[in-house]
Amino acid sequence: MAMQGHIQELNEKHKNLEEQIETEMAHPDWDEVRVAALKKEKLRVKDELERLRSSVH
């Protein structure tokens, strides 16, 4: 069950990162460095999610 909780937590983090990226890019003077960092973190979370899901199944 702890694994499922961790997966849920990562899903939420992934969703929040997506929202942050969209919010940042909605501004006319959005920060490319910040968006790149957010995308990198989002990808790291996605990779971790995939790894955990494959170990559960």
N, C-alpha and C. Protein backbone atom coordinates (compact mmCIF):
# COMPACT_ATOMS: atom_id res chain seq x y z
N MET A 1 0.81 -1.21 0.00
CA MET A 1 0.00 0.00 0.00
C MET A 1 0.85 1.27 0.00
N ALA A 2 2.01 1.23 0.65
CA ALA A 2 2.87 2.42 0.69
C ALA A 2 3.31 2.81 -0.71
N MET A 3 3.53 1.82 -1.55
CA MET A 3 3.95 2.09 -2.93
C MET A 3 2.85 2.85 -3.67
N GLN A 4 1.60 2.45 -3.47
CA GLN A 4 0.48 3.11 -4.13
C GLN A 4 0.37 4.56 -3.67
N GLY A 5 0.61 4.82 -2.41
CA GLY A 5 0.59 6.19 -1.89
C GLY A 5 1.68 7.04 -2.52
N HIS A 6 2.85 6.45 -2.69
CA HIS A 6 3.98 7.16 -3.31
C HIS A 6 3.66 7.46 -4.78
N ILE A 7 3.06 6.51 -5.47
CA ILE A 7 2.67 6.72 -6.86
C ILE A 7 1.65 7.86 -6.95
N GLN A 8 0.69 7.87 -6.06
CA GLN A 8 -0.33 8.93 -6.05
C GLN A 8 0.33 10.29 -5.80
N GLU A 9 1.26 10.32 -4.88
CA GLU A 9 1.98 11.56 -4.56
C GLU A 9 2.75 12.08 -5.78
N LEU A 10 3.40 11.16 -6.49
CA LEU A 10 4.14 11.55 -7.69
C LEU A 10 3.19 12.01 -8.81
N ASN A 11 2.02 11.38 -8.92
CA ASN A 11 1.02 11.82 -9.90
C ASN A 11 0.61 13.26 -9.63
N GLU A 12 0.39 13.58 -8.35
CA GLU A 12 0.01 14.94 -7.98
C GLU A 12 1.13 15.93 -8.29
N LYS A 13 2.36 15.53 -8.00
CA LYS A 13 3.50 16.40 -8.27
C LYS A 13 3.64 16.64 -9.78
N HIS A 14 3.43 15.60 -10.58
CA HIS A 14 3.51 15.71 -12.03
C HIS A 14 2.44 16.69 -12.53
N LYS A 15 1.22 16.56 -12.02
CA LYS A 15 0.12 17.44 -12.39
C LYS A 15 0.43 18.89 -12.00
N ASN A 16 0.95 19.08 -10.81
CA ASN A 16 1.28 20.42 -10.33
C ASN A 16 2.38 21.06 -11.18
N LEU A 17 3.36 20.27 -11.57
CA LEU A 17 4.42 20.79 -12.43
C LEU A 17 3.86 21.23 -13.78
N GLU A 18 2.95 20.44 -14.34
CA GLU A 18 2.32 20.79 -15.61
C GLU A 18 1.58 22.12 -15.48
N GLU A 19 0.87 22.29 -14.38
CA GLU A 19 0.13 23.54 -14.15
C GLU A 19 1.09 24.72 -14.00
N GLN A 20 2.20 24.51 -13.31
CA GLN A 20 3.19 25.57 -13.15
C GLN A 20 3.79 25.97 -14.50
N ILE A 21 4.07 24.99 -15.34
CA ILE A 21 4.61 25.26 -16.67
C ILE A 21 3.61 26.08 -17.48
N GLU A 22 2.36 25.66 -17.48
CA GLU A 22 1.33 26.37 -18.23
C GLU A 22 1.15 27.80 -17.71
N THR A 23 1.17 27.96 -16.40
CA THR A 23 1.02 29.29 -15.81
C THR A 23 2.19 30.18 -16.19
N GLU A 24 3.38 29.65 -16.09
CA GLU A 24 4.58 30.42 -16.43
C GLU A 24 4.55 30.85 -17.89
N MET A 25 4.19 29.93 -18.78
CA MET A 25 4.21 30.23 -20.22
C MET A 25 3.05 31.14 -20.65
N ALA A 26 2.06 31.31 -19.79
CA ALA A 26 0.94 32.20 -20.10
C ALA A 26 1.35 33.67 -20.00
N HIS A 27 2.42 33.95 -19.29
CA HIS A 27 2.90 35.32 -19.16
C HIS A 27 3.67 35.72 -20.42
N PRO A 28 3.49 36.95 -20.86
CA PRO A 28 4.17 37.39 -22.08
C PRO A 28 5.71 37.37 -21.94
N ASP A 29 6.21 37.56 -20.75
CA ASP A 29 7.66 37.58 -20.54
C ASP A 29 8.13 36.38 -19.70
N TRP A 30 7.65 35.19 -20.08
CA TRP A 30 7.97 33.99 -19.31
C TRP A 30 9.46 33.67 -19.35
N ASP A 31 9.90 33.03 -18.28
CA ASP A 31 11.31 32.73 -18.06
C ASP A 31 11.65 31.36 -18.65
N GLU A 32 12.44 31.36 -19.71
CA GLU A 32 12.80 30.11 -20.39
C GLU A 32 13.58 29.16 -19.48
N VAL A 33 14.44 29.72 -18.65
CA VAL A 33 15.25 28.89 -17.75
C VAL A 33 14.37 28.20 -16.72
N ARG A 34 13.42 28.95 -16.17
CA ARG A 34 12.50 28.36 -15.18
C ARG A 34 11.65 27.27 -15.82
N VAL A 35 11.12 27.54 -17.01
CA VAL A 35 10.29 26.55 -17.70
C VAL A 35 11.12 25.30 -18.01
N ALA A 36 12.35 25.48 -18.44
CA ALA A 36 13.21 24.33 -18.74
C ALA A 36 13.45 23.50 -17.48
N ALA A 37 13.67 24.17 -16.35
CA ALA A 37 13.89 23.46 -15.09
C ALA A 37 12.62 22.70 -14.67
N LEU A 38 11.47 23.33 -14.84
CA LEU A 38 10.20 22.67 -14.49
C LEU A 38 9.96 21.46 -15.38
N LYS A 39 10.26 21.60 -16.68
CA LYS A 39 10.08 20.47 -17.60
C LYS A 39 11.03 19.33 -17.26
N LYS A 40 12.24 19.66 -16.88
CA LYS A 40 13.21 18.64 -16.51
C LYS A 40 12.73 17.87 -15.27
N GLU A 41 12.22 18.60 -14.28
CA GLU A 41 11.70 17.97 -13.07
C GLU A 41 10.47 17.12 -13.39
N LYS A 42 9.61 17.62 -14.27
CA LYS A 42 8.41 16.88 -14.66
C LYS A 42 8.80 15.56 -15.33
N LEU A 43 9.81 15.59 -16.18
CA LEU A 43 10.29 14.39 -16.83
C LEU A 43 10.89 13.40 -15.82
N ARG A 44 11.63 13.93 -14.85
CA ARG A 44 12.20 13.07 -13.80
C ARG A 44 11.08 12.37 -13.02
N VAL A 45 10.03 13.12 -12.69
CA VAL A 45 8.89 12.54 -11.96
C VAL A 45 8.20 11.49 -12.82
N LYS A 46 8.03 11.78 -14.10
CA LYS A 46 7.38 10.83 -15.01
C LYS A 46 8.19 9.53 -15.09
N ASP A 47 9.50 9.65 -15.21
CA ASP A 47 10.36 8.46 -15.27
C ASP A 47 10.25 7.64 -13.99
N GLU A 48 10.21 8.32 -12.85
CA GLU A 48 10.07 7.63 -11.57
C GLU A 48 8.72 6.92 -11.49
N LEU A 49 7.67 7.59 -11.96
CA LEU A 49 6.34 6.97 -11.97
C LEU A 49 6.34 5.70 -12.81
N GLU A 50 6.91 5.78 -13.99
CA GLU A 50 6.96 4.61 -14.88
C GLU A 50 7.74 3.47 -14.24
N ARG A 51 8.84 3.81 -13.59
CA ARG A 51 9.66 2.78 -12.93
C ARG A 51 8.85 2.11 -11.80
N LEU A 52 8.17 2.91 -11.00
CA LEU A 52 7.39 2.35 -9.89
C LEU A 52 6.22 1.52 -10.41
N ARG A 53 5.54 2.02 -11.43
CA ARG A 53 4.39 1.27 -11.96
C ARG A 53 4.84 -0.07 -12.55
N SER A 54 5.97 -0.10 -13.20
CA SER A 54 6.44 -1.36 -13.77
C SER A 54 6.87 -2.35 -12.68
N SER A 55 7.33 -1.85 -11.56
CA SER A 55 7.73 -2.75 -10.47
C SER A 55 6.52 -3.29 -9.72
N VAL A 56 5.39 -2.58 -9.77
CA VAL A 56 4.15 -3.01 -9.11
C VAL A 56 3.49 -4.12 -9.92
N HIS A 57 3.57 -4.02 -11.24
CA HIS A 57 2.87 -4.98 -12.11
C HIS A 57 3.70 -6.16 -12.41
